[in-house]
Amino acid sequence: MEIKVMKIPLQEKEKVVVECHEMTSQVQTIVKFIKSIQETITGVYDDREYEISIQDIFYVESVDNKTFIYTKDKVYSVRERLYEIEDLLSELSFLRISKSVVVNLLKIKSIKPALNGRFGAILTNGEEVIISRKYVSVLKEKVRGGKKK
């Protein structure tokens, strides 16, 4: 795959063009990554609002009817419910792994078996999130890129 970067005049709008013979899983991954860089979600930290880049999100969790976004070293509260965040992020590299957690698959460092058919996902910041039995097969399929073995 050839990669070409061209410098353009400041008055022109920046754009990314992906040319391909067919929409492969590799091309889809590239498009999803580019989309994730551009999008943000508004969150509150220390009583101030911040725009959180989608690519900085490790996971989103719902606790006591409140929704929180976890980044490398901060936790933001957000107005949206977990299912709304899940809908927003589902086309990107995010996946629900339990009743209360949606994780960024790009932030998973490793996965290990836990008790009762569950798994633990170790994230790149060292945190561990539990993958419920119900979601293990969905995670495996998503990681494989939708391909059946």
Foldseek 3Di string as FASTA:
>chain_A
DDDDDDDDDPVDDDDDDDDDPDCDLVNLQVVLVVVQQPAWAWFDDPNDIDTHRSVQFFKWFADPNWIWTDGLPDITTHPDGPVVVCVVCVSHQWADQDPTMIGRPVQFPDWADDPPQKIWTQGVSRDIDIGDNVCPVVVVCVVVVNDDD
